[in-house]
Amino acid sequence: MAVKIVDASAIAAFVFAEPDASRIEIELSGHRLAAPTLLPFEMSSICLKKLRAYPADRDNILARFAGYADIPIDLYPSDPDSIVETARATGLSAYDASYLLLAAQMSAALVTLDEQLRRAAEKL
């Protein structure tokens, strides 16, 4: 089974049933998923932002977030020096650079809704 690297924007679209959820589900279907170890922190941050923006939807947001734990995603550590170098070379944030770096290391496609990250991944 081929591996795809998935970032928080793509997983959040799927988890929180955002407009691109169907497209992301199709892109990820039949693939083993991988991400840097920072993914759970980013997903928690996204959940918190949604809770703050939509306090009346608290129960729904938390229920959807709980479903995130059911998605099988292999997490991989990243080398901080390599992240810094990749971020510097590409102009990406360190967070985004970690996804790009993992995609390069695993020779895997990167699934993201972030346009800058997507463009950088196309250059791999």
C-alpha atoms as a PDB file:
ATOM      1  CA  MET A   1       0.000   0.000   0.000  1.00  0.00           C
ATOM      2  CA  ALA A   2       1.471   3.346  -1.043  1.00  0.00           C
ATOM      3  CA  VAL A   3       2.136   6.013   1.562  1.00  0.00           C
ATOM      4  CA  LYS A   4       0.794   9.551   1.459  1.00  0.00           C
ATOM      5  CA  ILE A   5       1.952  12.295   3.778  1.00  0.00           C
ATOM      6  CA  VAL A   6      -1.009  14.193   5.167  1.00  0.00           C
ATOM      7  CA  ASP A   7      -0.915  17.581   6.865  1.00  0.00           C
ATOM      8  CA  ALA A   8      -3.244  19.048   9.462  1.00  0.00           C
ATOM      9  CA  SER A   9      -5.226  21.113   6.946  1.00  0.00           C
ATOM     10  CA  ALA A  10      -6.216  17.991   5.025  1.00  0.00           C
ATOM     11  CA  ILE A  11      -6.999  15.886   8.094  1.00  0.00           C
ATOM     12  CA  ALA A  12      -8.970  18.746   9.672  1.00  0.00           C
ATOM     13  CA  ALA A  13     -11.062  19.119   6.505  1.00  0.00           C
ATOM     14  CA  PHE A  14     -11.947  15.449   6.756  1.00  0.00           C
ATOM     15  CA  VAL A  15     -12.443  15.337  10.540  1.00  0.00           C
ATOM     16  CA  PHE A  16     -14.546  18.499  10.760  1.00  0.00           C
ATOM     17  CA  ALA A  17     -16.521  17.853   7.540  1.00  0.00           C
ATOM     18  CA  GLU A  18     -15.243  20.988   5.837  1.00  0.00           C
ATOM     19  CA  PRO A  19     -16.022  21.723   2.153  1.00  0.00           C
ATOM     20  CA  ASP A  20     -12.966  19.827   0.822  1.00  0.00           C
ATOM     21  CA  ALA A  21     -13.636  16.724   2.934  1.00  0.00           C
ATOM     22  CA  SER A  22     -14.910  14.570   0.054  1.00  0.00           C
ATOM     23  CA  ARG A  23     -11.946  15.414  -2.155  1.00  0.00           C
ATOM     24  CA  ILE A  24      -9.503  14.671   0.671  1.00  0.00           C
ATOM     25  CA  GLU A  25     -11.213  11.359   1.425  1.00  0.00           C
ATOM     26  CA  ILE A  26     -10.847  10.320  -2.216  1.00  0.00           C
ATOM     27  CA  GLU A  27      -7.171  11.370  -2.301  1.00  0.00           C
ATOM     28  CA  LEU A  28      -6.370   9.403   0.844  1.00  0.00           C
ATOM     29  CA  SER A  29      -8.457   6.321   0.154  1.00  0.00           C
ATOM     30  CA  GLY A  30      -6.430   3.135  -0.182  1.00  0.00           C
ATOM     31  CA  HIS A  31      -3.201   4.682   1.087  1.00  0.00           C
ATOM     32  CA  ARG A  32      -1.228   4.319   4.272  1.00  0.00           C
ATOM     33  CA  LEU A  33      -1.060   7.742   5.948  1.00  0.00           C
ATOM     34  CA  ALA A  34       1.986   9.318   7.546  1.00  0.00           C
ATOM     35  CA  ALA A  35       2.774  12.657   9.184  1.00  0.00           C
ATOM     36  CA  PRO A  36       5.361  14.273  11.429  1.00  0.00           C
ATOM     37  CA  THR A  37       4.875  13.897  15.179  1.00  0.00           C
ATOM     38  CA  LEU A  38       3.586  17.469  15.347  1.00  0.00           C
ATOM     39  CA  LEU A  39       0.254  16.494  13.735  1.00  0.00           C
ATOM     40  CA  PRO A  40      -1.619  15.838  17.022  1.00  0.00           C
ATOM     41  CA  PHE A  41      -0.577  19.257  18.330  1.00  0.00           C
ATOM     42  CA  GLU A  42      -1.752  20.967  15.165  1.00  0.00           C
ATOM     43  CA  MET A  43      -5.037  19.077  15.245  1.00  0.00           C
ATOM     44  CA  SER A  44      -5.554  20.095  18.872  1.00  0.00           C
ATOM     45  CA  SER A  45      -4.892  23.702  17.930  1.00  0.00           C
ATOM     46  CA  ILE A  46      -7.418  23.540  15.091  1.00  0.00           C
ATOM     47  CA  CYS A  47     -10.006  22.050  17.445  1.00  0.00           C
ATOM     48  CA  LEU A  48      -9.396  24.790  19.992  1.00  0.00           C
ATOM     49  CA  LYS A  49      -9.783  27.507  17.326  1.00  0.00           C
ATOM     50  CA  LYS A  50     -13.079  25.987  16.236  1.00  0.00           C
ATOM     51  CA  LEU A  51     -14.297  25.794  19.834  1.00  0.00           C
ATOM     52  CA  ARG A  52     -13.471  29.461  20.344  1.00  0.00           C
ATOM     53  CA  ALA A  53     -15.052  30.531  17.063  1.00  0.00           C
ATOM     54  CA  TYR A  54     -18.198  28.395  17.436  1.00  0.00           C
ATOM     55  CA  PRO A  55     -18.881  27.887  21.154  1.00  0.00           C
ATOM     56  CA  ALA A  56     -22.486  26.865  20.482  1.00  0.00           C
ATOM     57  CA  ASP A  57     -21.211  23.901  18.425  1.00  0.00           C
ATOM     58  CA  ARG A  58     -18.989  22.604  21.239  1.00  0.00           C
ATOM     59  CA  ASP A  59     -20.457  19.100  21.422  1.00  0.00           C
ATOM     60  CA  ASN A  60     -20.340  18.566  17.655  1.00  0.00           C
ATOM     61  CA  ILE A  61     -16.771  19.895  17.388  1.00  0.00           C
ATOM     62  CA  LEU A  62     -15.562  17.689  20.239  1.00  0.00           C
ATOM     63  CA  ALA A  63     -17.354  14.641  18.831  1.00  0.00           C
ATOM     64  CA  ARG A  64     -15.744  15.165  15.436  1.00  0.00           C
ATOM     65  CA  PHE A  65     -12.354  15.752  17.051  1.00  0.00           C
ATOM     66  CA  ALA A  66     -12.699  12.491  18.981  1.00  0.00           C
ATOM     67  CA  GLY A  67     -13.052  10.746  15.611  1.00  0.00           C
ATOM     68  CA  TYR A  68      -9.573  11.942  14.665  1.00  0.00           C
ATOM     69  CA  ALA A  69      -8.116   9.274  16.963  1.00  0.00           C
ATOM     70  CA  ASP A  70      -9.684   6.576  14.757  1.00  0.00           C
ATOM     71  CA  ILE A  71      -7.722   7.603  11.667  1.00  0.00           C
ATOM     72  CA  PRO A  72      -4.650   5.406  11.294  1.00  0.00           C
ATOM     73  CA  ILE A  73      -1.736   7.773  10.724  1.00  0.00           C
ATOM     74  CA  ASP A  74       1.867   6.724  11.290  1.00  0.00           C
ATOM     75  CA  LEU A  75       3.785   9.514  13.024  1.00  0.00           C
ATOM     76  CA  TYR A  76       7.473  10.108  12.359  1.00  0.00           C
ATOM     77  CA  PRO A  77       9.966  12.293  14.198  1.00  0.00           C
ATOM     78  CA  SER A  78      11.729  15.055  12.304  1.00  0.00           C
ATOM     79  CA  ASP A  79      15.282  16.282  12.608  1.00  0.00           C
ATOM     80  CA  PRO A  80      15.156  19.912  13.853  1.00  0.00           C
ATOM     81  CA  ASP A  81      18.254  20.941  11.881  1.00  0.00           C
ATOM     82  CA  SER A  82      16.760  19.566   8.672  1.00  0.00           C
ATOM     83  CA  ILE A  83      13.459  21.304   9.381  1.00  0.00           C
ATOM     84  CA  VAL A  84      15.214  24.643   9.802  1.00  0.00           C
ATOM     85  CA  GLU A  85      17.222  24.153   6.599  1.00  0.00           C
ATOM     86  CA  THR A  86      14.133  23.105   4.633  1.00  0.00           C
ATOM     87  CA  ALA A  87      12.115  26.031   5.976  1.00  0.00           C
ATOM     88  CA  ARG A  88      14.910  28.453   5.171  1.00  0.00           C
ATOM     89  CA  ALA A  89      15.341  27.093   1.660  1.00  0.00           C
ATOM     90  CA  THR A  90      11.626  27.090   0.826  1.00  0.00           C
ATOM     91  CA  GLY A  91      10.243  30.039   2.788  1.00  0.00           C
ATOM     92  CA  LEU A  92       7.823  27.712   4.577  1.00  0.00           C
ATOM     93  CA  SER A  93       7.123  27.715   8.295  1.00  0.00           C
ATOM     94  CA  ALA A  94       8.993  25.111  10.314  1.00  0.00           C
ATOM     95  CA  TYR A  95       5.699  23.255  10.737  1.00  0.00           C
ATOM     96  CA  ASP A  96       5.041  23.056   7.007  1.00  0.00           C
ATOM     97  CA  ALA A  97       8.683  22.263   6.310  1.00  0.00           C
ATOM     98  CA  SER A  98       8.395  19.180   8.517  1.00  0.00           C
ATOM     99  CA  TYR A  99       5.633  17.790   6.271  1.00  0.00           C
ATOM    100  CA  LEU A 100       7.630  18.607   3.141  1.00  0.00           C
ATOM    101  CA  LEU A 101      10.756  17.029   4.579  1.00  0.00           C
ATOM    102  CA  LEU A 102       8.906  13.826   5.471  1.00  0.00           C
ATOM    103  CA  ALA A 103       7.413  13.654   1.978  1.00  0.00           C
ATOM    104  CA  ALA A 104      10.896  13.998   0.489  1.00  0.00           C
ATOM    105  CA  GLN A 105      12.396  11.425   2.857  1.00  0.00           C
ATOM    106  CA  MET A 106       9.667   8.882   2.123  1.00  0.00           C
ATOM    107  CA  SER A 107       9.367   9.728  -1.595  1.00  0.00           C
ATOM    108  CA  ALA A 108       5.656  10.120  -0.964  1.00  0.00           C
ATOM    109  CA  ALA A 109       2.957  12.465  -2.192  1.00  0.00           C
ATOM    110  CA  LEU A 110       1.891  15.211   0.197  1.00  0.00           C
ATOM    111  CA  VAL A 111      -1.817  15.895   0.663  1.00  0.00           C
ATOM    112  CA  THR A 112      -2.532  19.421   1.875  1.00  0.00           C
ATOM    113  CA  LEU A 113      -4.967  22.291   1.426  1.00  0.00           C
ATOM    114  CA  ASP A 114      -2.159  24.804   1.998  1.00  0.00           C
ATOM    115  CA  GLU A 115      -1.286  26.286  -1.412  1.00  0.00           C
ATOM    116  CA  GLN A 116       2.263  27.346  -0.527  1.00  0.00           C
ATOM    117  CA  LEU A 117       3.036  23.901   0.868  1.00  0.00           C
ATOM    118  CA  ARG A 118       1.396  22.213  -2.121  1.00  0.00           C
ATOM    119  CA  ARG A 119       3.513  24.252  -4.549  1.00  0.00           C
ATOM    120  CA  ALA A 120       6.679  23.371  -2.612  1.00  0.00           C
ATOM    121  CA  ALA A 121       5.757  19.684  -2.669  1.00  0.00           C
ATOM    122  CA  GLU A 122       5.229  19.771  -6.440  1.00  0.00           C
ATOM    123  CA  LYS A 123       8.915  20.711  -6.765  1.00  0.00           C
ATOM    124  CA  LEU A 124      10.097  17.533  -5.034  1.00  0.00           C
END
